[in-house]
Each structure stands twice: as C-alpha cells, then as structure tokens.
Amino acid sequence: MKTIPSPDNLLAFDALARAGSFTAAADLLDCHKSLVSARVKALERELGAVLVLRSTRKVALTEAGERLRPHAARLRETMAQARMAVDQTQSDLAGPLTISTTSSLAQYVLGPALSEMAALYPELQLSLQVNNRLQDPVADVLDFCLRSARSHTVHDESLVARLAGYASENLYASPAYLARHPAIRQPSDLAAHRLLVMESEQRDGLLLKKGEQLLRQPVGAQLYLNDYPLRADLALTGHGITLLADYAVARHLQSGELVRVLPDWHCDYWPIYLVHPFRTPLSRKYQTFIDFVLPRVAAALPDNRAQPDSDGRASNTR
C-alpha cells in the first residue's frame, strides 16, 4: 500500500515551487529553511520520486515535480478556504441555533427571551425544542439546553453548565376553589382537598419544609400531571391545588388569579442552568446567545440568588 503524502510536506513543496529557493520558501512559511528541506525530502520518500533538482543557487522541478505542482497548489487553496469557512463561522452572527428546554421554562422564561432575540438578530435561525426529557446537547445535537436541576449536579464533564438562578416550588390555588372548600391552616388539612400533582408526589407524599422542620404529607389525587402549563390552567379554573414553580405563577399572583396555599411551608428549591457543549473558543454566535439570554433568564426567576455569569453543574429536568 502506497503512503499517502503528508499535507505539511505538500505545502512545503508548494512554497518551494512558488518561491524558487529554500530560503524564500522558508520566508513564505515563516520557518527555518532546514525544515522546508526536510519536508520536501520526506515527500520524495513518500512518493518514491525525485521532485526537485537542487543547486547552490536555485532549485528546479523535475517532471514529477511539475505534475505534482498544481495538486499541491490546490491543497493550499483548499486549506485557505477551510480556514476562511471556520473563521466566518466563528465571527458570523447568523445561522442556526437549536435550544431545548422543558414546557414550563419554554412558556414562562425562555420563549419571551428568544422572541426578543430573534427580532434583534434577524440573521439567526432560532429553533426551540420543548421536551421534558433530560437531553444531552452532544448526543441530541443541540447548541444549548435550559435545565432545571433537582439533584444540583451534572455528571458529564464534556458540558458547561452556567448557573442562571434558582426556582422554588410551592402550593397554589384559585380564590374561587379555596372559597368552596374547607380552610387550609396546616399540612394535614390537604387531605380534604383535590391535589393536582405528579404520581411520584402522591405516592411518596408531599415534602414540605418550614425552617428546619421537614414532613411528608400524604395526599390523595385522582389526576396526575407533570406539565406546569396544564397544572396552572387547571388551578386557575378552580380544579384544585397544585405545585407550581414561582416563575410560572408570578403574573397570576399579581393579578390575584392564584394565591399561595400554606405560605409558611415550602415544597422545593433548585437551580436552573444554561448547558452547552464544552467549546473553546466560543463562536461569536454562541457568546452573543449566552450574553443575551442568560441575564434575561435570571431576571425571569423571582427567587434568583445566583450570579448569571457563574458556572455550575446540572442534571435533571422539570
């Protein structure tokens, strides 16, 4: 099997063919002339042919060298075009960006930020994938994921997780629902109410926290829901009490459409991360997205206790 010629050796030969001497070729390549000589000799060994006739003052190409010359020139041009293509990708603020997040974060947090960004940067092609499944940006070919992280950790060292802030989850209901049902003064009163929760929350009981006090409150549920927007809609129309993140209820609390149930008790608290593959250096498009979206995500989280530019780890979605 014949040896495939080294690109570095072909580029050295191309520089020699263009410059006419080893010294001038070294100047073109910004290296020592001994390196040019060594690479041309290596190329002759790889191809099994004499390419250059050397003299004390100048070099001349053999017939084989003349036939090789245009191919070496095309390699140089291809390499230059490859560099230009990558440089353009790194510097352009255009083209596709694919982002994944959960249904609740898409509706209440990320969607408005992306809409604003699309209007400001019309050359970008922003694609938002809504998926409550934990996604891997590398395996799923995504540029960014906005994740809720219940376990507070990320296990994949190939990812960068930038901490946007924190969210909390608590119990909410509409005033109309609460007016029609018994008063709720303590966690045990929940047993007499209709809860709209996930199956795991019903099975394990609701974890409630008050200062240092923790308890698992058993609840009964007829309807299991793992989608925040649907939970919010049902709670707003008086169908029961549900768990919602603070970012999902902010405007409903302000309008009085929902009220907090057991306000002294908290249910959960977790960080939210903007996750992307580990890439250095970041392209202009990537860096612009991070600089634009991260502070807006942070501002949309009412219980934000994080610095938007800090790094962290994440692992789970909600």
Protein backbone atom coordinates (compact mmCIF):
# COMPACT_ATOMS: atom_id res chain seq x y z
CA MET A 1 0.00 0.00 0.00
CA LYS A 2 1.45 3.35 -1.05
CA THR A 3 1.97 6.06 1.53
CA ILE A 4 -0.44 8.99 1.41
CA PRO A 5 1.65 12.17 1.20
CA SER A 6 1.66 14.41 4.25
CA PRO A 7 -0.25 17.70 3.83
CA ASP A 8 2.53 19.55 5.63
CA ASN A 9 5.09 18.11 3.20
CA LEU A 10 2.93 19.03 0.20
CA LEU A 11 2.56 22.59 1.47
CA ALA A 12 6.32 22.86 1.91
CA PHE A 13 6.78 21.65 -1.68
CA ASP A 14 4.19 24.17 -2.90
CA ALA A 15 6.01 27.01 -1.16
CA LEU A 16 9.33 25.87 -2.72
CA ALA A 17 7.75 25.64 -6.18
CA ARG A 18 6.35 29.16 -5.86
CA ALA A 19 9.41 30.78 -4.27
CA GLY A 20 12.18 29.07 -6.26
CA SER A 21 14.55 28.61 -3.31
CA PHE A 22 14.56 27.04 0.13
CA THR A 23 15.31 30.38 1.79
CA ALA A 24 12.42 32.15 0.07
CA ALA A 25 10.09 29.20 0.77
CA ALA A 26 11.05 29.37 4.45
CA ASP A 27 10.10 33.05 4.44
CA LEU A 28 6.70 32.20 2.95
CA LEU A 29 6.05 29.59 5.62
CA ASP A 30 7.70 31.58 8.43
CA CYS A 31 10.00 28.71 9.38
CA HIS A 32 13.66 27.68 9.04
CA LYS A 33 14.85 26.59 5.59
CA SER A 34 16.13 23.31 7.04
CA LEU A 35 12.53 22.40 7.90
CA VAL A 36 11.45 23.07 4.31
CA SER A 37 14.30 20.91 3.02
CA ALA A 38 13.44 18.10 5.43
CA ARG A 39 9.76 18.13 4.45
CA VAL A 40 10.50 18.10 0.71
CA LYS A 41 12.87 15.15 1.19
CA ALA A 42 10.20 13.36 3.23
CA LEU A 43 7.67 13.99 0.44
CA GLU A 44 10.06 12.49 -2.12
CA ARG A 45 10.35 9.39 0.05
CA GLU A 46 6.59 9.19 0.44
CA LEU A 47 6.02 9.41 -3.33
CA GLY A 48 9.10 7.43 -4.36
CA ALA A 49 10.19 10.08 -6.86
CA VAL A 50 12.66 12.94 -7.18
CA LEU A 51 10.69 16.18 -7.22
CA VAL A 52 13.40 18.83 -7.04
CA LEU A 53 16.83 19.27 -8.61
CA ARG A 54 18.96 21.19 -6.14
CA SER A 55 21.89 23.50 -6.89
CA THR A 56 23.78 26.02 -4.79
CA ARG A 57 21.73 28.98 -6.05
CA LYS A 58 18.30 27.71 -7.06
CA VAL A 59 16.09 24.68 -7.42
CA ALA A 60 14.31 23.27 -10.45
CA LEU A 61 11.35 20.93 -10.55
CA THR A 62 11.63 17.55 -12.21
CA GLU A 63 8.89 16.24 -14.50
CA ALA A 64 7.31 14.56 -11.47
CA GLY A 65 7.59 17.83 -9.55
CA GLU A 66 5.88 19.78 -12.33
CA ARG A 67 3.00 17.29 -12.40
CA LEU A 68 2.67 17.49 -8.62
CA ARG A 69 2.80 21.29 -8.55
CA PRO A 70 -0.88 22.06 -9.41
CA HIS A 71 -2.12 19.45 -6.91
CA ALA A 72 -0.04 20.99 -4.13
CA ALA A 73 -1.38 24.43 -5.08
CA ARG A 74 -4.98 23.16 -4.88
CA LEU A 75 -4.25 21.75 -1.41
CA ARG A 76 -3.02 25.19 -0.29
CA GLU A 77 -6.15 26.82 -1.71
CA THR A 78 -8.40 24.22 -0.05
CA MET A 79 -6.68 24.76 3.28
CA ALA A 80 -7.10 28.53 2.95
CA GLN A 81 -10.79 28.12 2.12
CA ALA A 82 -11.24 25.81 5.12
CA ARG A 83 -9.70 28.44 7.37
CA MET A 84 -11.93 31.14 5.89
CA ALA A 85 -15.03 28.99 6.39
CA VAL A 86 -14.22 28.33 10.04
CA ASP A 87 -13.26 31.95 10.66
CA GLN A 88 -16.56 33.06 9.15
CA THR A 89 -18.48 30.63 11.34
CA GLN A 90 -16.67 31.92 14.40
CA SER A 91 -17.32 35.56 13.54
CA ASP A 92 -20.77 35.48 11.92
CA LEU A 93 -23.87 36.35 13.90
CA ALA A 94 -26.09 34.27 11.65
CA GLY A 95 -27.27 30.74 11.01
CA PRO A 96 -28.98 28.09 13.13
CA LEU A 97 -29.06 27.77 16.91
CA THR A 98 -31.04 24.92 18.47
CA ILE A 99 -32.16 25.18 22.08
CA SER A 100 -34.03 22.65 24.22
CA THR A 101 -35.95 23.19 27.44
CA THR A 102 -39.00 21.99 29.35
CA SER A 103 -42.54 23.08 28.60
CA SER A 104 -42.77 25.34 31.65
CA LEU A 105 -39.43 27.06 31.12
CA ALA A 106 -40.27 27.47 27.42
CA GLN A 107 -43.58 29.17 28.16
CA TYR A 108 -42.71 31.30 31.14
CA VAL A 109 -38.97 32.00 30.84
CA LEU A 110 -37.15 31.16 27.61
CA GLY A 111 -39.80 31.74 24.95
CA PRO A 112 -40.09 35.52 25.50
CA ALA A 113 -36.29 35.90 25.57
CA LEU A 114 -35.88 34.03 22.28
CA SER A 115 -38.62 36.06 20.64
CA GLU A 116 -36.83 39.25 21.65
CA MET A 117 -33.51 37.91 20.37
CA ALA A 118 -34.98 36.83 17.04
CA ALA A 119 -36.27 40.36 16.45
CA LEU A 120 -32.90 41.88 17.32
CA TYR A 121 -30.78 39.44 15.26
CA PRO A 122 -32.80 38.57 12.13
CA GLU A 123 -29.95 36.55 10.57
CA LEU A 124 -30.14 33.97 13.36
CA GLN A 125 -32.35 30.91 12.89
CA LEU A 126 -33.51 30.04 16.41
CA SER A 127 -35.13 26.65 16.96
CA LEU A 128 -36.73 25.88 20.34
CA GLN A 129 -37.38 22.22 21.13
CA VAL A 130 -39.77 21.64 24.03
CA ASN A 131 -39.04 18.36 25.75
CA ASN A 132 -39.43 17.35 29.40
CA ARG A 133 -36.93 14.52 28.90
CA LEU A 134 -33.38 15.13 30.08
CA GLN A 135 -31.43 15.81 26.90
CA ASP A 136 -27.73 15.59 26.12
CA PRO A 137 -26.62 18.53 23.94
CA VAL A 138 -23.93 16.38 22.30
CA ALA A 139 -25.96 13.22 21.62
CA ASP A 140 -29.11 15.16 20.67
CA VAL A 141 -27.20 17.69 18.52
CA LEU A 142 -28.28 20.75 20.48
CA ASP A 143 -26.47 24.03 20.96
CA PHE A 144 -27.99 24.82 24.36
CA CYS A 145 -30.29 23.30 26.98
CA LEU A 146 -32.02 25.28 29.71
CA ARG A 147 -32.33 22.79 32.58
CA SER A 148 -33.89 22.61 35.98
CA ALA A 149 -31.61 20.59 38.25
CA ARG A 150 -33.24 18.86 41.19
CA SER A 151 -30.07 16.98 42.15
CA HIS A 152 -27.89 20.11 41.83
CA THR A 153 -25.19 18.22 39.90
CA VAL A 154 -24.06 17.49 36.35
CA HIS A 155 -22.16 14.29 35.71
CA ASP A 156 -20.91 14.92 32.18
CA GLU A 157 -17.60 16.75 32.14
CA SER A 158 -17.97 17.46 28.40
CA LEU A 159 -20.67 20.03 29.21
CA VAL A 160 -20.53 23.55 30.57
CA ALA A 161 -23.39 24.50 32.90
CA ARG A 162 -23.87 28.21 33.58
CA LEU A 163 -25.97 28.95 36.63
CA ALA A 164 -28.83 31.31 35.75
CA GLY A 165 -30.58 31.35 39.09
CA TYR A 166 -32.91 29.44 41.37
CA ALA A 167 -36.56 28.48 41.33
CA SER A 168 -38.85 27.40 44.13
CA GLU A 169 -42.00 25.30 44.03
CA ASN A 170 -44.99 25.81 46.28
CA LEU A 171 -48.70 25.13 46.59
CA TYR A 172 -51.20 27.37 44.79
CA ALA A 173 -54.93 27.50 44.16
CA SER A 174 -57.51 29.93 42.85
CA PRO A 175 -59.51 32.05 45.33
CA ALA A 176 -62.70 30.54 43.88
CA TYR A 177 -61.54 26.99 44.70
CA LEU A 178 -60.49 27.92 48.23
CA ALA A 179 -63.82 29.68 48.86
CA ARG A 180 -65.71 26.47 48.05
CA HIS A 181 -63.61 24.14 50.24
CA PRO A 182 -62.53 23.82 53.87
CA ALA A 183 -59.86 26.20 55.13
CA ILE A 184 -56.25 25.06 54.99
CA ARG A 185 -54.28 26.03 58.10
CA GLN A 186 -51.85 23.14 58.40
CA PRO A 187 -50.44 20.45 56.07
CA SER A 188 -52.82 17.75 57.32
CA ASP A 189 -55.75 19.81 56.02
CA LEU A 190 -54.61 18.98 52.47
CA ALA A 191 -56.11 15.51 52.87
CA ALA A 192 -59.57 17.02 52.36
CA HIS A 193 -58.65 18.73 49.10
CA ARG A 194 -58.12 17.86 45.45
CA LEU A 195 -54.42 17.86 44.59
CA LEU A 196 -53.13 18.14 41.03
CA VAL A 197 -49.69 16.55 41.32
CA MET A 198 -47.33 14.03 39.74
CA GLU A 199 -47.79 10.38 40.61
CA SER A 200 -44.45 10.26 42.45
CA GLU A 201 -45.54 13.18 44.64
CA GLN A 202 -48.76 11.40 45.55
CA ARG A 203 -47.02 8.08 46.17
CA ASP A 204 -44.24 9.47 48.36
CA GLY A 205 -46.27 12.25 49.91
CA LEU A 206 -45.57 15.96 49.53
CA LEU A 207 -42.27 17.03 51.04
CA LEU A 208 -42.96 20.25 52.98
CA LYS A 209 -40.38 22.43 54.71
CA LYS A 210 -40.77 25.09 57.37
CA GLY A 211 -37.48 26.34 58.70
CA GLU A 212 -35.71 23.24 60.00
CA GLN A 213 -38.93 21.24 60.07
CA LEU A 214 -39.50 18.65 57.33
CA LEU A 215 -42.50 16.40 56.82
CA ARG A 216 -44.02 14.12 54.22
CA GLN A 217 -47.69 14.90 53.92
CA PRO A 218 -49.77 12.06 52.44
CA VAL A 219 -52.15 13.28 49.76
CA GLY A 220 -54.71 11.67 47.51
CA ALA A 221 -55.02 12.53 43.84
CA GLN A 222 -57.29 11.46 41.01
CA LEU A 223 -55.45 13.32 38.26
CA TYR A 224 -51.67 13.11 37.83
CA LEU A 225 -49.97 15.90 35.89
CA ASN A 226 -46.31 16.53 35.11
CA ASP A 227 -46.85 19.61 32.93
CA TYR A 228 -46.69 23.04 34.59
CA PRO A 229 -48.74 24.96 31.99
CA LEU A 230 -51.57 22.42 32.28
CA ARG A 231 -51.36 22.45 36.08
CA ALA A 232 -51.54 26.24 36.06
CA ASP A 233 -54.55 26.26 33.70
CA LEU A 234 -56.48 23.78 35.86
CA ALA A 235 -55.63 25.62 39.06
CA LEU A 236 -56.72 28.94 37.51
CA THR A 237 -60.11 27.46 36.60
CA GLY A 238 -60.66 26.17 40.13
CA HIS A 239 -59.99 22.46 39.67
CA GLY A 240 -57.75 22.05 42.70
CA ILE A 241 -54.49 22.80 44.48
CA THR A 242 -51.25 22.22 42.64
CA LEU A 243 -47.48 22.59 42.87
CA LEU A 244 -46.06 25.30 40.63
CA ALA A 245 -42.72 26.99 40.22
CA ASP A 246 -42.55 30.65 41.21
CA TYR A 247 -41.67 31.71 37.65
CA ALA A 248 -44.91 30.07 36.43
CA VAL A 249 -47.22 31.94 38.81
CA ALA A 250 -45.70 35.42 39.18
CA ARG A 251 -48.23 37.21 36.97
CA HIS A 252 -51.16 35.18 38.34
CA LEU A 253 -50.26 36.14 41.90
CA GLN A 254 -50.03 39.79 40.91
CA SER A 255 -53.47 39.69 39.28
CA GLY A 256 -54.99 37.75 42.17
CA GLU A 257 -55.94 34.78 39.98
CA LEU A 258 -53.92 32.44 42.21
CA VAL A 259 -52.96 32.58 45.87
CA ARG A 260 -50.32 30.75 47.85
CA VAL A 261 -51.56 27.84 49.99
CA LEU A 262 -49.76 27.26 53.31
CA PRO A 263 -47.44 30.24 52.72
CA ASP A 264 -45.19 29.32 55.67
CA TRP A 265 -44.39 25.95 54.09
CA HIS A 266 -42.07 25.46 51.10
CA CYS A 267 -42.00 22.43 48.82
CA ASP A 268 -38.81 22.51 46.74
CA TYR A 269 -35.93 24.71 45.66
CA TRP A 270 -33.48 24.07 42.82
CA PRO A 271 -31.01 25.72 40.43
CA ILE A 272 -31.56 26.37 36.73
CA TYR A 273 -28.65 26.10 34.30
CA LEU A 274 -27.90 27.04 30.72
CA VAL A 275 -25.99 24.00 29.48
CA HIS A 276 -23.91 23.70 26.32
CA PRO A 277 -21.08 21.54 24.95
CA PHE A 278 -17.60 22.48 26.09
CA ARG A 279 -16.24 24.54 23.19
CA THR A 280 -13.21 26.83 23.29
CA PRO A 281 -13.05 29.37 21.85
CA LEU A 282 -16.74 30.14 21.66
CA SER A 283 -18.05 31.43 18.34
CA ARG A 284 -19.49 34.93 18.23
CA LYS A 285 -22.94 33.43 17.76
CA TYR A 286 -22.56 31.27 20.89
CA GLN A 287 -21.18 34.08 23.03
CA THR A 288 -23.88 36.50 21.88
CA PHE A 289 -26.59 33.98 22.73
CA ILE A 290 -25.16 33.45 26.22
CA ASP A 291 -24.74 37.17 26.87
CA PHE A 292 -28.26 37.92 25.67
CA VAL A 293 -30.29 35.03 27.10
CA LEU A 294 -28.62 34.30 30.44
CA PRO A 295 -29.41 37.62 32.18
CA ARG A 296 -32.97 37.54 30.85
CA VAL A 297 -33.49 34.03 32.20
CA ALA A 298 -32.07 35.18 35.53
CA ALA A 299 -34.42 38.18 35.60
CA ALA A 300 -37.41 35.91 34.95
CA LEU A 301 -36.69 33.83 38.07
CA PRO A 302 -38.32 35.54 41.07
CA ASP A 303 -36.20 33.69 43.62
CA ASN A 304 -32.93 34.40 41.86
CA ARG A 305 -29.96 34.16 44.21
CA ALA A 306 -27.28 33.39 41.62
CA GLN A 307 -24.77 35.37 39.64
CA PRO A 308 -25.72 34.92 35.95
CA ASP A 309 -22.11 34.55 34.82
CA SER A 310 -21.11 31.86 37.31
CA ASP A 311 -20.59 28.25 36.31
CA GLY A 312 -22.20 25.18 37.85
CA ARG A 313 -23.44 21.69 37.33
CA ALA A 314 -26.89 20.36 36.47
CA SER A 315 -28.55 17.01 35.86
CA ASN A 316 -32.34 16.82 35.90
CA THR A 317 -35.24 18.49 34.12
CA ARG A 318 -38.67 19.55 35.24
